[in-house]
Amino acid sequence: MRLRSWLATCSSSTCTTTTTTAASAAVPPSPKLLVSDASSFSDVPTSSSTPSSSNSNTSSPSLQSNLSLQTLPSVPSLQSLSPETLAVSYACLTSLRPSLPHSPVTCVAVHQGLLYAASLNEINVYDRATSSHLDTFNGRDSSSSSGSVKAVAFADGKVLTAHQDCKIRVWRMTSNKRCKLLTTLPTVNDRLRRFVLPKNYVSVRRHKKRLWIQHADAVTGLAVNNGLIYSVSWDKTLKIWRASDLRCVESVRAHEDAVNAVAVSADGTVYTGSADKRIRVWAKPEGEKRHALVATLEKHKSAVNALALNDDGSVLFSGSCDRSILVWEREDSANHMAVSGALRGHGRAILCLSNVSDLLLSGSADRTVRIWRRGHEGRYCCLAVLDGHAKPVKSLAGSVTECGDYSDANGVVTVFSGSLDGEAKVWQISVSRPISTPIISSHNFVK
């Protein structure tokens, strides 16, 4: 067993982090990530290459930001130094390997006690409590031509999956926890209603047209809010579907390049992130039927790969190929976000973000997962660096344990990470406020 402890900077606190790795889920040391690996971490198209750094080859990740890796120097860092302490412990509980050998895990999602892990075109379902395998759907015997699964979401008791083949598939969970295909979006009825009229067609490339309700490239992101399903695609569009009858009600040309991420707040404000380096904010004006562009957020220097909102929608997080996580906060004088600072520390592109309670999870092409926590005055602390994957971390999900209560700085959260190394790992993070003074930072190795 290998035991480490660090003394980390924290928002309004200095975090003492102790990490343990369960013997039943021993994690092999990660190989060095070469500069030549920069182009192999993601299948997301980008409008600029990922910056490389000689410092990204370190084999022991640090909780402290590496100043040589800082990007966007005009954006201030939100990480701070303070004397108060937090104790953080984490362990890798188990590693799950989907049925397809040597296949990357492209997406993980949790819902109602189940973990969904997509590997290429297959989606594997596990019991979250026992990690036992329950089902595999969209496999070789059904829709093997669908291409890799890009996103998984849930609406009205249905499971939604976004695919490389430009389609969204809708599944129904049976009583024995098996997923059965209901339909594919756009539905046959929706297409039949519109295919006759020429005005329903749009040009997707030279000499090729499609119905405006159809995506023309891989569907990369899904979000669900208030009876609506939002999908984004490499075809540069945002489409909105009604969950009740699965009809497409709106299509928006959202960006000038591929759209990689979408997030929706409780009030219906939509955020889209693109390879054009921009985040765009969309809202439906009162009395209008269509969404309108509210703002364009421009601070990233490379493609935007991931977006996440905090619980009340007042803070937006964006991750990019420029290795930075930007924090955007709603201005009192406006109905959109303004950048308040950056979280730095990852050595390569940010590929995924997830918000769980007051924790932000970030996964990167540097093969690590970082856990961030907001404290006083909008400052953030990197509580832990989860190091165990052998390849880039492509997807993250999390859930708070029922007994967890972060209001008093004590709680437990379970983190699920999916990587291009073909593994989905389950981590448990515990945050508490110790009574005694923290121990000086040290590295302990127990055989």
Protein backbone atom coordinates (compact mmCIF):
# COMPACT_ATOMS: atom_id res chain seq x y z
CA MET A 1 0.00 0.00 0.00
CA ARG A 2 1.28 3.44 -0.83
CA LEU A 3 0.44 6.33 1.47
CA ARG A 4 0.99 9.99 0.68
CA SER A 5 0.25 13.20 2.53
CA TRP A 6 0.50 16.77 1.37
CA LEU A 7 0.01 20.24 2.77
CA ALA A 8 -1.99 22.16 0.15
CA THR A 9 -3.20 25.68 -0.36
CA CYS A 10 -6.88 26.17 0.32
CA SER A 11 -9.53 28.84 0.09
CA SER A 12 -9.59 30.34 3.56
CA SER A 13 -7.68 27.24 4.62
CA THR A 14 -4.59 25.16 4.09
CA CYS A 15 -5.52 21.59 3.28
CA THR A 16 -3.75 18.58 4.71
CA THR A 17 -4.40 15.79 2.21
CA THR A 18 -3.91 12.12 3.00
CA THR A 19 -4.37 9.60 0.20
CA THR A 20 -4.84 5.87 0.39
CA THR A 21 -5.25 3.27 -2.29
CA ALA A 22 -7.31 0.22 -1.47
CA ALA A 23 -5.38 -3.03 -1.76
CA SER A 24 -8.17 -4.58 -3.78
CA ALA A 25 -7.78 -1.88 -6.43
CA ALA A 26 -4.06 -1.30 -6.70
CA VAL A 27 -3.22 1.30 -9.30
CA PRO A 28 -0.06 0.87 -11.39
CA PRO A 29 2.24 3.87 -11.77
CA SER A 30 1.40 6.04 -14.73
CA PRO A 31 3.89 6.17 -17.59
CA LYS A 32 5.38 9.48 -18.64
CA LEU A 33 3.23 11.47 -21.03
CA LEU A 34 5.41 12.45 -23.94
CA VAL A 35 5.08 15.71 -25.82
CA SER A 36 4.13 13.64 -28.84
CA ASP A 37 1.07 12.38 -26.94
CA ALA A 38 -0.56 15.82 -27.03
CA SER A 39 -2.53 15.05 -30.15
CA SER A 40 -3.79 11.66 -28.98
CA PHE A 41 -5.73 12.56 -25.83
CA SER A 42 -9.06 13.49 -27.38
CA ASP A 43 -11.17 13.12 -30.45
CA VAL A 44 -12.55 16.62 -30.01
CA PRO A 45 -11.72 18.82 -32.99
CA THR A 46 -9.91 21.98 -32.03
CA SER A 47 -9.15 25.14 -33.89
CA SER A 48 -5.69 25.37 -32.36
CA SER A 49 -3.12 22.89 -31.17
CA THR A 50 -2.70 22.02 -27.50
CA PRO A 51 0.20 23.86 -25.91
CA SER A 52 2.99 21.64 -24.70
CA SER A 53 5.25 22.07 -21.71
CA SER A 54 8.39 20.33 -20.60
CA ASN A 55 7.03 20.40 -17.03
CA SER A 56 4.07 18.17 -17.91
CA ASN A 57 6.26 15.08 -17.75
CA THR A 58 6.36 14.90 -13.96
CA SER A 59 5.40 11.55 -12.49
CA SER A 60 4.33 12.92 -9.09
CA PRO A 61 1.51 15.49 -9.37
CA SER A 62 1.55 18.39 -6.94
CA LEU A 63 -1.40 20.09 -5.31
CA GLN A 64 0.36 23.40 -5.79
CA SER A 65 0.04 25.24 -9.10
CA ASN A 66 3.17 25.06 -11.20
CA LEU A 67 3.93 28.63 -12.14
CA SER A 68 5.61 27.60 -15.38
CA LEU A 69 2.34 26.06 -16.51
CA GLN A 70 0.27 29.19 -16.01
CA THR A 71 -1.77 30.28 -18.98
CA LEU A 72 -3.87 33.39 -19.59
CA PRO A 73 -1.61 35.67 -17.50
CA SER A 74 -4.19 38.46 -17.71
CA VAL A 75 -6.63 36.34 -15.66
CA PRO A 76 -5.83 36.30 -11.91
CA SER A 77 -5.50 33.04 -10.03
CA LEU A 78 -8.25 32.21 -7.52
CA GLN A 79 -6.05 29.97 -5.38
CA SER A 80 -5.04 31.44 -2.03
CA LEU A 81 -2.90 30.83 1.05
CA SER A 82 -4.41 30.78 4.54
CA PRO A 83 -3.58 29.20 7.91
CA GLU A 84 -6.81 27.32 8.59
CA THR A 85 -6.78 23.57 7.91
CA LEU A 86 -8.91 20.92 6.26
CA ALA A 87 -8.16 17.20 6.27
CA VAL A 88 -8.84 15.40 3.01
CA SER A 89 -8.53 11.66 2.48
CA TYR A 90 -9.31 9.68 -0.61
CA ALA A 91 -9.09 6.12 -1.85
CA CYS A 92 -9.63 4.32 -5.13
CA LEU A 93 -12.36 1.84 -4.24
CA THR A 94 -12.37 -0.16 -7.46
CA SER A 95 -11.53 -0.13 -11.16
CA LEU A 96 -14.09 -1.28 -13.71
CA ARG A 97 -13.19 -2.58 -17.16
CA PRO A 98 -16.01 -2.66 -19.73
CA SER A 99 -16.57 -5.80 -21.79
CA LEU A 100 -14.79 -4.45 -24.89
CA PRO A 101 -11.05 -5.05 -24.35
CA HIS A 102 -8.60 -2.16 -24.79
CA SER A 103 -11.47 0.25 -25.53
CA PRO A 104 -11.46 3.81 -24.14
CA VAL A 105 -14.14 4.84 -21.67
CA THR A 106 -15.60 7.92 -23.36
CA CYS A 107 -18.39 8.78 -20.93
CA VAL A 108 -19.54 8.07 -17.36
CA ALA A 109 -22.83 9.11 -15.76
CA VAL A 110 -24.71 8.31 -12.55
CA HIS A 111 -28.45 8.12 -12.02
CA GLN A 112 -30.66 6.53 -9.36
CA GLY A 113 -28.10 4.17 -7.92
CA LEU A 114 -26.66 3.14 -11.28
CA LEU A 115 -23.37 3.93 -12.99
CA TYR A 116 -23.30 4.13 -16.80
CA ALA A 117 -19.91 3.74 -18.49
CA ALA A 118 -19.68 4.03 -22.27
CA SER A 119 -16.89 2.27 -24.11
CA LEU A 120 -16.91 2.92 -27.86
CA ASN A 121 -20.50 2.10 -28.90
CA GLU A 122 -21.36 0.00 -25.83
CA ILE A 123 -22.90 1.33 -22.63
CA ASN A 124 -22.29 -0.77 -19.50
CA VAL A 125 -24.52 -0.43 -16.45
CA TYR A 126 -23.22 -1.10 -12.93
CA ASP A 127 -24.77 -1.08 -9.48
CA ARG A 128 -23.15 1.87 -7.71
CA ALA A 129 -23.26 0.23 -4.29
CA THR A 130 -21.69 -3.10 -5.24
CA SER A 131 -19.98 -2.23 -8.58
CA SER A 132 -21.57 -5.37 -10.03
CA HIS A 133 -22.27 -5.40 -13.77
CA LEU A 134 -26.00 -5.34 -14.58
CA ASP A 135 -26.38 -4.78 -18.31
CA THR A 136 -24.70 -3.87 -21.59
CA PHE A 137 -26.74 -2.14 -24.29
CA ASN A 138 -26.19 -0.69 -27.76
CA GLY A 139 -23.60 -3.43 -28.21
CA ARG A 140 -22.54 -5.62 -31.10
CA ASP A 141 -25.94 -7.25 -31.43
CA SER A 142 -27.87 -3.97 -31.87
CA SER A 143 -26.37 -0.74 -33.19
CA SER A 144 -22.66 -1.33 -33.61
CA SER A 145 -22.63 1.19 -36.45
CA SER A 146 -23.62 4.04 -34.11
CA GLY A 147 -20.02 5.00 -33.43
CA SER A 148 -18.67 5.98 -30.04
CA VAL A 149 -20.97 7.28 -27.31
CA LYS A 150 -20.23 10.94 -26.54
CA ALA A 151 -22.69 11.71 -23.73
CA VAL A 152 -25.35 10.14 -21.50
CA ALA A 153 -28.28 12.03 -19.93
CA PHE A 154 -31.61 11.25 -18.30
CA ALA A 155 -35.13 12.64 -18.82
CA ASP A 156 -38.60 11.49 -17.71
CA GLY A 157 -37.40 8.02 -16.76
CA LYS A 158 -35.57 7.56 -20.06
CA VAL A 159 -31.86 7.22 -20.82
CA LEU A 160 -30.51 9.44 -23.62
CA THR A 161 -27.25 8.66 -25.42
CA ALA A 162 -25.43 10.90 -27.93
CA HIS A 163 -23.48 9.19 -30.69
CA GLN A 164 -20.81 9.67 -33.31
CA ASP A 165 -23.33 8.84 -36.07
CA CYS A 166 -25.18 12.18 -35.57
CA LYS A 167 -28.07 10.59 -33.67
CA ILE A 168 -29.51 10.64 -30.16
CA ARG A 169 -30.90 7.34 -28.95
CA VAL A 170 -33.64 7.06 -26.35
CA TRP A 171 -33.81 4.02 -24.07
CA ARG A 172 -36.36 2.79 -21.55
CA MET A 173 -35.26 1.06 -18.36
CA THR A 174 -37.24 -2.16 -17.81
CA SER A 175 -38.26 -3.54 -14.44
CA ASN A 176 -35.24 -5.87 -14.38
CA LYS A 177 -32.88 -2.91 -15.02
CA ARG A 178 -32.33 -3.64 -18.69
CA CYS A 179 -32.31 -0.87 -21.28
CA LYS A 180 -34.53 -1.24 -24.33
CA LEU A 181 -34.34 1.05 -27.35
CA LEU A 182 -37.45 3.22 -27.73
CA THR A 183 -36.54 5.48 -30.64
CA THR A 184 -33.84 7.54 -32.29
CA LEU A 185 -33.88 11.33 -32.56
CA PRO A 186 -35.13 12.80 -34.72
CA THR A 187 -38.01 10.33 -34.65
CA VAL A 188 -39.57 8.90 -37.80
CA ASN A 189 -42.79 10.83 -37.16
CA ASP A 190 -40.88 14.08 -36.74
CA ARG A 191 -39.08 13.56 -40.05
CA LEU A 192 -42.27 12.61 -41.88
CA ARG A 193 -43.95 15.81 -40.72
CA ARG A 194 -41.23 17.95 -42.28
CA PHE A 195 -39.61 16.17 -45.21
CA VAL A 196 -42.06 17.42 -47.88
CA LEU A 197 -41.49 21.17 -47.54
CA PRO A 198 -38.23 22.53 -49.02
CA LYS A 199 -38.04 25.23 -46.31
CA ASN A 200 -37.32 22.52 -43.74
CA TYR A 201 -33.96 21.71 -45.34
CA VAL A 202 -30.65 23.40 -44.64
CA SER A 203 -27.29 23.09 -46.38
CA VAL A 204 -24.78 21.13 -44.33
CA ARG A 205 -22.03 21.11 -46.94
CA ARG A 206 -21.66 21.72 -50.64
CA HIS A 207 -24.42 20.00 -52.62
CA LYS A 208 -25.79 18.31 -49.49
CA LYS A 209 -28.88 19.24 -47.50
CA ARG A 210 -30.58 17.83 -44.43
CA LEU A 211 -33.70 18.52 -42.43
CA TRP A 212 -33.00 21.22 -39.86
CA ILE A 213 -34.04 18.81 -37.09
CA GLN A 214 -31.12 16.48 -37.92
CA HIS A 215 -27.58 16.84 -36.64
CA ALA A 216 -25.05 16.64 -39.46
CA ASP A 217 -22.07 15.53 -37.37
CA ALA A 218 -21.26 13.79 -34.07
CA VAL A 219 -23.49 14.78 -31.15
CA THR A 220 -21.04 15.78 -28.42
CA GLY A 221 -23.14 16.93 -25.47
CA LEU A 222 -26.55 16.60 -23.83
CA ALA A 223 -28.30 18.54 -21.06
CA VAL A 224 -31.81 18.28 -19.65
CA ASN A 225 -33.80 21.00 -17.91
CA ASN A 226 -37.46 21.75 -17.26
CA GLY A 227 -38.90 19.31 -19.82
CA LEU A 228 -36.41 20.17 -22.56
CA ILE A 229 -33.43 18.26 -23.97
CA TYR A 230 -30.48 20.28 -25.30
CA SER A 231 -27.97 18.74 -27.72
CA VAL A 232 -24.82 20.15 -29.30
CA SER A 233 -22.76 18.83 -32.14
CA TRP A 234 -19.63 19.19 -34.21
CA ASP A 235 -22.02 20.54 -36.87
CA LYS A 236 -21.84 23.87 -34.91
CA THR A 237 -25.50 23.78 -33.84
CA LEU A 238 -27.53 23.69 -30.65
CA LYS A 239 -30.83 21.80 -30.92
CA ILE A 240 -33.66 21.76 -28.41
CA TRP A 241 -36.08 18.84 -28.07
CA ARG A 242 -39.31 18.52 -26.12
CA ALA A 243 -38.96 15.61 -23.67
CA SER A 244 -42.68 14.81 -23.61
CA ASP A 245 -43.02 13.89 -27.31
CA LEU A 246 -39.33 13.92 -28.35
CA ARG A 247 -39.88 16.49 -31.11
CA CYS A 248 -37.21 18.97 -32.12
CA VAL A 249 -38.60 22.45 -31.45
CA GLU A 250 -35.61 24.64 -32.23
CA SER A 251 -32.22 24.66 -33.93
CA VAL A 252 -29.62 27.39 -33.46
CA ARG A 253 -26.41 27.97 -35.40
CA ALA A 254 -24.44 28.44 -32.19
CA HIS A 255 -20.78 28.77 -33.19
CA GLU A 256 -18.30 29.12 -36.02
CA ASP A 257 -16.64 25.80 -35.16
CA ALA A 258 -17.49 22.48 -33.53
CA VAL A 259 -19.52 22.70 -30.31
CA ASN A 260 -18.00 20.51 -27.60
CA ALA A 261 -20.05 21.18 -24.47
CA VAL A 262 -23.41 22.43 -23.19
CA ALA A 263 -24.69 23.38 -19.73
CA VAL A 264 -28.12 24.68 -18.71
CA SER A 265 -29.03 26.53 -15.51
CA ALA A 266 -32.31 26.09 -13.63
CA ASP A 267 -33.69 29.34 -15.09
CA GLY A 268 -33.22 28.02 -18.65
CA THR A 269 -30.05 29.94 -19.55
CA VAL A 270 -27.97 27.84 -21.96
CA TYR A 271 -24.16 27.90 -22.21
CA THR A 272 -22.32 26.37 -25.17
CA GLY A 273 -18.55 25.89 -25.47
CA SER A 274 -16.80 25.50 -28.80
CA ALA A 275 -13.55 24.84 -30.62
CA ASP A 276 -13.78 28.48 -31.74
CA LYS A 277 -12.49 29.35 -28.20
CA ARG A 278 -15.78 31.01 -27.24
CA ILE A 279 -18.56 30.36 -24.78
CA ARG A 280 -21.94 31.65 -25.83
CA VAL A 281 -24.90 32.37 -23.59
CA TRP A 282 -28.44 31.80 -24.84
CA ALA A 283 -31.80 32.66 -23.30
CA LYS A 284 -35.40 32.87 -24.41
CA PRO A 285 -36.72 36.44 -24.04
CA GLU A 286 -40.08 36.76 -22.34
CA GLY A 287 -42.88 36.22 -24.82
CA GLU A 288 -40.55 34.84 -27.51
CA LYS A 289 -40.52 31.31 -28.91
CA ARG A 290 -36.84 31.10 -29.84
CA HIS A 291 -33.60 31.46 -27.93
CA ALA A 292 -31.50 34.54 -28.57
CA LEU A 293 -27.80 35.18 -28.06
CA VAL A 294 -27.29 37.01 -24.77
CA ALA A 295 -23.49 37.19 -24.56
CA THR A 296 -20.26 35.80 -25.94
CA LEU A 297 -17.61 35.00 -23.34
CA GLU A 298 -14.07 35.24 -24.73
CA LYS A 299 -11.03 34.59 -22.54
CA HIS A 300 -9.75 31.15 -23.50
CA LYS A 301 -6.84 30.94 -25.92
CA SER A 302 -7.76 27.49 -27.25
CA ALA A 303 -10.75 25.22 -27.80
CA VAL A 304 -13.32 25.00 -24.97
CA ASN A 305 -13.83 21.32 -24.14
CA ALA A 306 -15.98 21.30 -20.99
CA LEU A 307 -18.53 23.35 -19.04
CA ALA A 308 -20.08 22.96 -15.60
CA LEU A 309 -22.41 25.05 -13.44
CA ASN A 310 -22.58 25.20 -9.66
CA ASP A 311 -25.81 24.16 -7.95
CA ASP A 312 -27.60 27.52 -8.14
CA GLY A 313 -26.28 28.44 -11.61
CA SER A 314 -24.46 31.54 -10.36
CA VAL A 315 -20.98 30.26 -11.25
CA LEU A 316 -19.86 28.77 -14.56
CA PHE A 317 -16.66 26.75 -14.96
CA SER A 318 -15.02 26.24 -18.36
CA GLY A 319 -12.12 23.96 -19.27
CA SER A 320 -9.96 24.35 -22.35
CA CYS A 321 -7.03 23.00 -24.30
CA ASP A 322 -5.07 25.98 -22.89
CA ARG A 323 -4.84 23.97 -19.60
CA SER A 324 -6.84 26.50 -17.61
CA ILE A 325 -10.17 26.32 -15.81
CA LEU A 326 -11.86 29.71 -15.90
CA VAL A 327 -14.39 30.73 -13.26
CA TRP A 328 -17.22 32.96 -14.47
CA GLU A 329 -19.64 34.66 -12.07
CA ARG A 330 -22.89 36.44 -12.71
CA GLU A 331 -22.59 40.20 -12.57
CA ASP A 332 -25.23 42.14 -10.64
CA SER A 333 -25.48 44.66 -13.45
CA ALA A 334 -25.95 42.07 -16.20
CA ASN A 335 -27.77 38.84 -16.91
CA HIS A 336 -24.67 36.96 -18.02
CA MET A 337 -21.29 35.93 -16.66
CA ALA A 338 -17.95 37.72 -16.32
CA VAL A 339 -14.64 35.97 -15.67
CA SER A 340 -13.48 36.25 -12.05
CA GLY A 341 -10.30 34.18 -12.21
CA ALA A 342 -8.57 30.95 -13.18
CA LEU A 343 -7.74 27.62 -11.55
CA ARG A 344 -4.35 26.35 -12.63
CA GLY A 345 -2.41 23.17 -11.99
CA HIS A 346 -3.21 20.70 -14.76
CA GLY A 347 -0.30 20.08 -17.10
CA ARG A 348 -2.32 19.43 -20.24
CA ALA A 349 -5.74 20.12 -21.77
CA ILE A 350 -8.84 20.09 -19.57
CA LEU A 351 -11.16 17.45 -21.04
CA CYS A 352 -14.04 17.26 -18.55
CA LEU A 353 -15.62 19.10 -15.61
CA SER A 354 -18.31 18.13 -13.11
CA ASN A 355 -19.78 20.02 -10.15
CA VAL A 356 -20.84 18.04 -7.07
CA SER A 357 -22.21 20.01 -4.12
CA ASP A 358 -19.52 22.66 -3.52
CA LEU A 359 -16.77 20.60 -5.16
CA LEU A 360 -15.53 21.00 -8.72
CA LEU A 361 -14.02 17.92 -10.41
CA SER A 362 -11.65 18.39 -13.35
CA GLY A 363 -10.16 15.73 -15.61
CA SER A 364 -7.25 16.31 -17.93
CA ALA A 365 -5.06 14.88 -20.65
CA ASP A 366 -2.32 14.86 -17.96
CA ARG A 367 -4.07 11.68 -16.67
CA THR A 368 -5.15 13.18 -13.34
CA VAL A 369 -8.37 14.29 -11.66
CA ARG A 370 -8.27 17.38 -9.45
CA ILE A 371 -10.78 18.16 -6.70
CA TRP A 372 -11.40 21.88 -6.09
CA ARG A 373 -13.39 23.51 -3.30
CA ARG A 374 -14.66 27.06 -3.05
CA GLY A 375 -14.05 28.94 0.19
CA HIS A 376 -14.29 32.49 1.46
CA GLU A 377 -14.12 35.49 -0.85
CA GLY A 378 -14.40 33.31 -3.95
CA ARG A 379 -11.03 31.64 -3.41
CA TYR A 380 -10.50 27.99 -4.33
CA CYS A 381 -8.41 25.16 -2.94
CA CYS A 382 -7.13 22.09 -4.78
CA LEU A 383 -8.07 19.48 -2.18
CA ALA A 384 -6.57 16.48 -3.94
CA VAL A 385 -5.01 15.13 -7.11
CA LEU A 386 -6.30 11.67 -8.04
CA ASP A 387 -3.48 9.94 -9.88
CA GLY A 388 -4.06 6.44 -11.23
CA HIS A 389 -5.14 6.50 -14.85
CA ALA A 390 -2.60 5.58 -17.51
CA LYS A 391 -4.16 7.79 -20.19
CA PRO A 392 -6.20 11.03 -20.38
CA VAL A 393 -9.31 11.34 -18.22
CA LYS A 394 -12.22 11.86 -20.61
CA SER A 395 -15.29 11.96 -18.36
CA LEU A 396 -16.27 12.58 -14.72
CA ALA A 397 -19.34 12.17 -12.55
CA GLY A 398 -19.94 12.34 -8.81
CA SER A 399 -22.46 11.96 -6.05
CA VAL A 400 -22.63 13.07 -2.43
CA THR A 401 -23.10 10.40 0.23
CA GLU A 402 -26.39 10.87 2.09
CA CYS A 403 -24.58 11.55 5.37
CA GLY A 404 -22.33 14.12 3.73
CA ASP A 405 -22.79 17.73 4.82
CA TYR A 406 -20.42 20.23 3.29
CA SER A 407 -21.94 23.16 5.14
CA ASP A 408 -19.67 22.35 8.10
CA ALA A 409 -16.71 21.29 5.93
CA ASN A 410 -17.39 17.61 6.61
CA GLY A 411 -18.67 15.19 4.02
CA VAL A 412 -18.06 12.29 1.67
CA VAL A 413 -18.34 12.34 -2.11
CA THR A 414 -17.95 9.48 -4.58
CA VAL A 415 -16.16 10.31 -7.82
CA PHE A 416 -16.37 8.28 -11.03
CA SER A 417 -13.70 8.81 -13.67
CA GLY A 418 -13.55 7.38 -17.18
CA SER A 419 -10.30 7.31 -19.12
CA LEU A 420 -8.93 6.48 -22.53
CA ASP A 421 -6.96 3.72 -20.78
CA GLY A 422 -10.15 1.64 -20.82
CA GLU A 423 -10.92 1.87 -17.10
CA ALA A 424 -13.65 3.53 -15.06
CA LYS A 425 -12.43 4.16 -11.52
CA VAL A 426 -14.51 4.73 -8.39
CA TRP A 427 -12.99 7.07 -5.79
CA GLN A 428 -14.20 8.10 -2.35
CA ILE A 429 -13.27 11.58 -1.08
CA SER A 430 -13.70 12.57 2.56
CA VAL A 431 -13.39 16.18 3.74
CA SER A 432 -13.25 17.08 7.43
CA ARG A 433 -12.02 19.87 9.66
CA PRO A 434 -9.37 18.40 11.98
CA ILE A 435 -9.02 19.52 15.59
CA SER A 436 -5.24 19.33 15.75
CA THR A 437 -2.65 21.30 13.80
CA PRO A 438 -1.79 19.70 10.45
CA ILE A 439 1.39 17.66 10.02
CA ILE A 440 4.12 19.12 7.87
CA SER A 441 4.01 17.96 4.26
CA SER A 442 5.80 14.64 3.78
CA HIS A 443 5.81 11.54 1.61
CA ASN A 444 5.36 8.26 3.46
CA PHE A 445 5.64 4.86 1.82
CA VAL A 446 4.20 1.83 3.61
CA LYS A 447 4.95 -1.62 2.22
